[in-house]
Amino acid sequence: MATVPDAENDRVPDLDADAGTYADTLAADGVVVVEDFLAPSLCDEIRERVETRLDDLPRAGPDDDYGSLSTRGEPVVRERTGETDDGMLDVFNMDLAIPALAQLKRDRFVAGIVDDAAGTRYTPDNLNVYVNRGVTGTRDFHADTYAGKFKAFVYLTDVPDERYGPFQYIPGSHDPSVLRRKATQLLNRVRGDPPTDGVFYDDDDALVCTAPKGTLIVANQAGLHRGTPQEPGFERMLATTSHTPAGADHH
């Protein structure tokens, strides 16, 4: 079996010199894009290893929730079903099977810009791999939580245009006023929608993250974001690490 290269030593540029600038952008906009974070060859090797293992991994049951899956101690696949993200494969804990993903989860550069942007220490929680193959229905713009959470996404495949399902984010939406949050919750309650679904935004303001494999996207999950619906026959794979405040109950 080939040895997986060290993730931190297989980057194309030296990013540390620009870490402060990336952190400032993340703090101001809620999102930052870092090109050439991982070498394409490493992305290809990780993707191939995921695909090799995918069919043999255990599947989540209907009663398995996010917390139990993320702390299961082995890789496990949850296939999302329903009106949004139907058919998406959410692979938990692949860092336990692929050393390069374990290193990516603990990456010091990512941790540093998250900590600097947040103004406090965060720690990596769990790592997931998302496999989207022709996922044509995705949730519209929404926030995950206002309690403090960042996600670091790395594209493992090229995402050159919207047919592939790029990540989207509304810059500046990560710090809504208390009044706007309450109004959002009230309107969503009337509509019968989840309380953090987006209400006050303009689609034209979205940053559409079309980018080559190896691109890093760090996003404050209090901001409005979504995955673009794919067209049939198009694929996207990415790795994502959740970062939550140090000492918090992550699950």
Protein backbone atom coordinates (compact mmCIF):
# COMPACT_ATOMS: atom_id res chain seq x y z
CA MET A 1 0.00 0.00 0.00
CA ALA A 2 1.33 3.43 -0.90
CA THR A 3 2.22 5.81 1.88
CA VAL A 4 -0.05 8.84 2.11
CA PRO A 5 2.03 12.05 2.08
CA ASP A 6 2.04 14.32 5.12
CA ALA A 7 -0.81 16.80 4.62
CA GLU A 8 1.01 19.78 6.16
CA ASN A 9 4.18 19.12 4.13
CA ASP A 10 2.37 18.57 0.84
CA ARG A 11 1.02 22.06 0.35
CA VAL A 12 1.83 24.05 -2.73
CA PRO A 13 2.63 27.46 -1.11
CA ASP A 14 3.90 28.59 2.28
CA LEU A 15 0.68 29.92 3.79
CA ASP A 16 1.85 30.94 7.25
CA ALA A 17 3.06 34.36 6.13
CA ASP A 18 -0.48 35.27 5.04
CA ALA A 19 -2.31 33.71 8.00
CA GLY A 20 -3.14 37.09 9.54
CA THR A 21 -4.74 38.33 6.33
CA TYR A 22 -6.83 35.18 5.98
CA ALA A 23 -7.95 35.47 9.62
CA ASP A 24 -8.93 39.13 9.13
CA THR A 25 -11.02 38.21 6.07
CA LEU A 26 -12.70 35.38 7.96
CA ALA A 27 -13.54 37.71 10.86
CA ALA A 28 -14.93 40.42 8.56
CA ASP A 29 -16.78 38.34 5.97
CA GLY A 30 -17.47 35.08 7.80
CA VAL A 31 -15.75 33.14 5.03
CA VAL A 32 -12.31 32.92 3.47
CA VAL A 33 -11.02 30.96 0.46
CA VAL A 34 -7.43 29.72 0.42
CA GLU A 35 -6.24 28.51 -2.96
CA ASP A 36 -3.67 25.71 -3.38
CA PHE A 37 -4.02 24.55 0.21
CA LEU A 38 -3.33 20.89 -0.65
CA ALA A 39 -1.49 19.54 -3.64
CA PRO A 40 -3.74 17.97 -6.28
CA SER A 41 -1.82 14.70 -6.05
CA LEU A 42 -2.66 14.39 -2.35
CA CYS A 43 -6.32 15.17 -3.06
CA ASP A 44 -6.37 12.42 -5.68
CA GLU A 45 -4.84 9.91 -3.28
CA ILE A 46 -7.31 10.74 -0.51
CA ARG A 47 -10.25 10.55 -2.93
CA GLU A 48 -9.10 7.18 -4.25
CA ARG A 49 -8.80 5.80 -0.73
CA VAL A 50 -12.27 7.02 0.18
CA GLU A 51 -13.77 5.50 -2.95
CA THR A 52 -11.98 2.20 -2.32
CA ARG A 53 -13.44 1.91 1.18
CA LEU A 54 -16.88 3.39 0.56
CA ASP A 55 -18.85 0.28 -0.40
CA ASP A 56 -17.47 -1.74 2.54
CA LEU A 57 -18.13 0.77 5.32
CA PRO A 58 -21.01 0.22 7.77
CA ARG A 59 -24.19 2.20 7.15
CA ALA A 60 -25.95 4.33 9.74
CA GLY A 61 -29.30 3.17 11.01
CA PRO A 62 -32.49 5.26 11.19
CA ASP A 63 -32.03 5.88 14.92
CA ASP A 64 -28.39 7.03 14.68
CA ASP A 65 -28.05 10.75 15.30
CA TYR A 66 -25.16 13.06 14.44
CA GLY A 67 -23.59 12.89 17.89
CA SER A 68 -23.57 9.12 18.08
CA LEU A 69 -22.13 8.78 14.57
CA SER A 70 -19.36 11.32 15.10
CA THR A 71 -18.18 9.56 18.27
CA ARG A 72 -18.62 6.01 17.01
CA GLY A 73 -14.90 5.24 16.83
CA GLU A 74 -14.97 3.93 13.24
CA PRO A 75 -15.86 5.25 9.81
CA VAL A 76 -19.57 5.04 9.05
CA VAL A 77 -21.73 6.25 6.15
CA ARG A 78 -25.04 8.06 6.47
CA GLU A 79 -26.98 8.44 3.23
CA ARG A 80 -29.14 11.51 3.51
CA THR A 81 -32.75 11.16 2.44
CA GLY A 82 -35.68 13.52 2.13
CA GLU A 83 -36.42 16.72 0.28
CA THR A 84 -32.92 18.21 0.68
CA ASP A 85 -29.55 16.55 0.03
CA ASP A 86 -31.28 13.32 -0.98
CA GLY A 87 -28.62 10.78 -1.98
CA MET A 88 -25.66 12.61 -0.45
CA LEU A 89 -23.21 10.33 1.35
CA ASP A 90 -22.00 11.78 4.65
CA VAL A 91 -18.97 9.72 5.71
CA PHE A 92 -18.08 10.13 9.37
CA ASN A 93 -14.66 9.56 10.94
CA MET A 94 -12.61 8.85 7.80
CA ASP A 95 -9.67 10.42 9.63
CA LEU A 96 -9.49 7.13 11.56
CA ALA A 97 -8.80 5.27 8.32
CA ILE A 98 -6.73 7.75 6.29
CA PRO A 99 -3.69 9.34 7.99
CA ALA A 100 -3.68 12.41 5.72
CA LEU A 101 -7.22 13.22 6.86
CA ALA A 102 -6.19 12.82 10.50
CA GLN A 103 -3.44 15.39 9.87
CA LEU A 104 -5.87 17.65 8.05
CA LYS A 105 -8.22 17.58 11.03
CA ARG A 106 -5.43 18.80 13.31
CA ASP A 107 -3.97 21.30 10.83
CA ARG A 108 -2.25 24.15 12.68
CA PHE A 109 -2.77 26.75 9.96
CA VAL A 110 -6.53 26.21 9.91
CA ALA A 111 -6.74 26.20 13.72
CA GLY A 112 -4.74 29.42 13.85
CA ILE A 113 -6.91 31.44 11.49
CA VAL A 114 -10.09 30.16 13.19
CA ASP A 115 -8.77 31.13 16.62
CA ASP A 116 -7.63 34.55 15.43
CA ALA A 117 -10.91 35.27 13.64
CA ALA A 118 -13.00 34.17 16.63
CA GLY A 119 -10.81 35.85 19.23
CA THR A 120 -10.78 32.71 21.36
CA ARG A 121 -9.49 29.16 21.16
CA TYR A 122 -11.41 26.60 19.12
CA THR A 123 -10.68 22.91 18.75
CA PRO A 124 -11.34 20.48 15.88
CA ASP A 125 -14.40 18.38 16.61
CA ASN A 126 -15.07 15.77 13.93
CA LEU A 127 -14.10 15.22 10.30
CA ASN A 128 -16.55 14.15 7.61
CA VAL A 129 -16.24 13.45 3.91
CA TYR A 130 -19.16 14.54 1.73
CA VAL A 131 -19.73 12.59 -1.48
CA ASN A 132 -22.27 14.24 -3.78
CA ARG A 133 -23.22 12.46 -6.99
CA GLY A 134 -26.00 14.19 -8.86
CA VAL A 135 -27.60 15.63 -5.71
CA THR A 136 -30.15 17.88 -7.37
CA GLY A 137 -32.05 19.06 -4.27
CA THR A 138 -30.19 20.94 -1.53
CA ARG A 139 -31.27 23.10 1.39
CA ASP A 140 -31.51 26.80 0.58
CA PHE A 141 -29.43 29.41 2.43
CA HIS A 142 -29.35 28.78 6.17
CA ALA A 143 -27.20 29.08 9.27
CA ASP A 144 -26.16 26.01 11.24
CA THR A 145 -25.93 27.58 14.69
CA TYR A 146 -25.28 30.89 16.44
CA ALA A 147 -23.46 29.16 19.31
CA GLY A 148 -20.02 29.29 17.71
CA LYS A 149 -18.94 26.89 14.97
CA PHE A 150 -16.60 27.04 12.02
CA LYS A 151 -16.18 24.49 9.24
CA ALA A 152 -13.08 24.01 7.14
CA PHE A 153 -13.84 22.46 3.74
CA VAL A 154 -11.20 21.11 1.35
CA TYR A 155 -12.28 20.20 -2.17
CA LEU A 156 -10.92 16.77 -3.09
CA THR A 157 -12.25 17.07 -6.65
CA ASP A 158 -12.37 19.98 -9.06
CA VAL A 159 -15.49 22.14 -8.79
CA PRO A 160 -15.14 24.30 -11.91
CA ASP A 161 -18.74 25.48 -12.27
CA GLU A 162 -22.16 25.33 -10.64
CA ARG A 163 -23.07 21.98 -12.20
CA TYR A 164 -20.69 20.34 -9.70
CA GLY A 165 -22.42 21.79 -6.61
CA PRO A 166 -20.06 24.42 -5.18
CA PHE A 167 -20.35 25.76 -1.64
CA GLN A 168 -22.03 29.18 -1.44
CA TYR A 169 -21.90 31.81 1.33
CA ILE A 170 -23.40 35.27 1.89
CA PRO A 171 -20.42 37.36 3.10
CA GLY A 172 -21.15 39.44 6.18
CA SER A 173 -24.22 37.41 7.20
CA HIS A 174 -22.43 35.76 10.15
CA ASP A 175 -23.16 38.47 12.71
CA PRO A 176 -26.90 39.24 12.57
CA SER A 177 -28.42 41.51 15.17
CA VAL A 178 -30.60 40.07 17.92
CA LEU A 179 -33.60 41.74 16.27
CA ARG A 180 -32.82 40.12 12.90
CA ARG A 181 -32.39 36.70 14.50
CA LYS A 182 -35.74 37.00 16.27
CA ALA A 183 -37.47 38.23 13.11
CA THR A 184 -35.96 35.34 11.16
CA GLN A 185 -37.17 32.81 13.72
CA LEU A 186 -40.66 34.33 13.75
CA LEU A 187 -41.01 34.34 9.95
CA ASN A 188 -39.73 30.79 9.72
CA ARG A 189 -42.18 29.67 12.41
CA VAL A 190 -45.04 31.16 10.38
CA ARG A 191 -43.77 29.44 7.24
CA GLY A 192 -43.15 26.14 8.98
CA ASP A 193 -39.44 26.25 8.13
CA PRO A 194 -36.39 25.53 10.33
CA PRO A 195 -35.59 28.51 12.61
CA THR A 196 -32.18 29.28 11.05
CA ASP A 197 -33.31 29.25 7.40
CA GLY A 198 -32.26 32.43 5.64
CA VAL A 199 -34.82 35.21 5.25
CA PHE A 200 -32.98 38.52 4.87
CA TYR A 201 -30.52 38.06 2.02
CA ASP A 202 -30.02 38.58 -1.69
CA ASP A 203 -28.90 35.64 -3.85
CA ASP A 204 -26.83 38.04 -5.93
CA ASP A 205 -24.59 38.68 -2.90
CA ALA A 206 -23.54 35.04 -2.65
CA LEU A 207 -19.92 34.01 -2.97
CA VAL A 208 -20.03 30.92 -5.20
CA CYS A 209 -16.92 28.87 -4.43
CA THR A 210 -16.08 27.31 -7.78
CA ALA A 211 -12.47 26.21 -7.43
CA PRO A 212 -9.98 23.44 -8.22
CA LYS A 213 -9.22 20.50 -5.95
CA GLY A 214 -7.00 21.41 -3.02
CA THR A 215 -8.86 24.66 -2.28
CA LEU A 216 -9.64 25.37 1.39
CA ILE A 217 -12.81 27.22 2.42
CA VAL A 218 -13.25 28.21 6.07
CA ALA A 219 -16.71 29.44 7.04
CA ASN A 220 -18.40 30.72 10.18
CA GLN A 221 -21.53 28.58 10.39
CA ALA A 222 -23.59 31.44 11.84
CA GLY A 223 -23.53 32.89 8.33
CA LEU A 224 -25.94 31.97 5.56
CA HIS A 225 -24.59 29.21 3.33
CA ARG A 226 -25.68 26.33 1.13
CA GLY A 227 -24.47 23.71 -1.32
CA THR A 228 -25.49 24.42 -4.90
CA PRO A 229 -27.83 21.79 -6.41
CA GLN A 230 -25.89 19.63 -8.84
CA GLU A 231 -26.90 18.60 -12.30
CA PRO A 232 -27.33 14.85 -12.91
CA GLY A 233 -24.06 13.10 -13.69
CA PHE A 234 -21.83 15.57 -11.86
CA GLU A 235 -19.82 14.74 -8.73
CA ARG A 236 -18.12 16.55 -5.87
CA MET A 237 -16.12 15.22 -2.94
CA LEU A 238 -14.81 17.27 -0.04
CA ALA A 239 -13.47 16.82 3.47
CA THR A 240 -14.83 19.04 6.24
CA THR A 241 -13.66 19.56 9.80
CA SER A 242 -15.90 21.20 12.41
CA HIS A 243 -14.27 23.59 14.89
CA THR A 244 -16.08 24.48 18.12
CA PRO A 245 -15.08 26.54 21.21
CA ALA A 246 -12.53 24.77 23.39
CA GLY A 247 -14.19 23.09 26.35
CA ALA A 248 -17.65 23.17 24.76
CA ASP A 249 -19.95 20.17 24.67
CA HIS A 250 -19.47 19.40 20.97
CA HIS A 251 -22.36 16.97 20.69
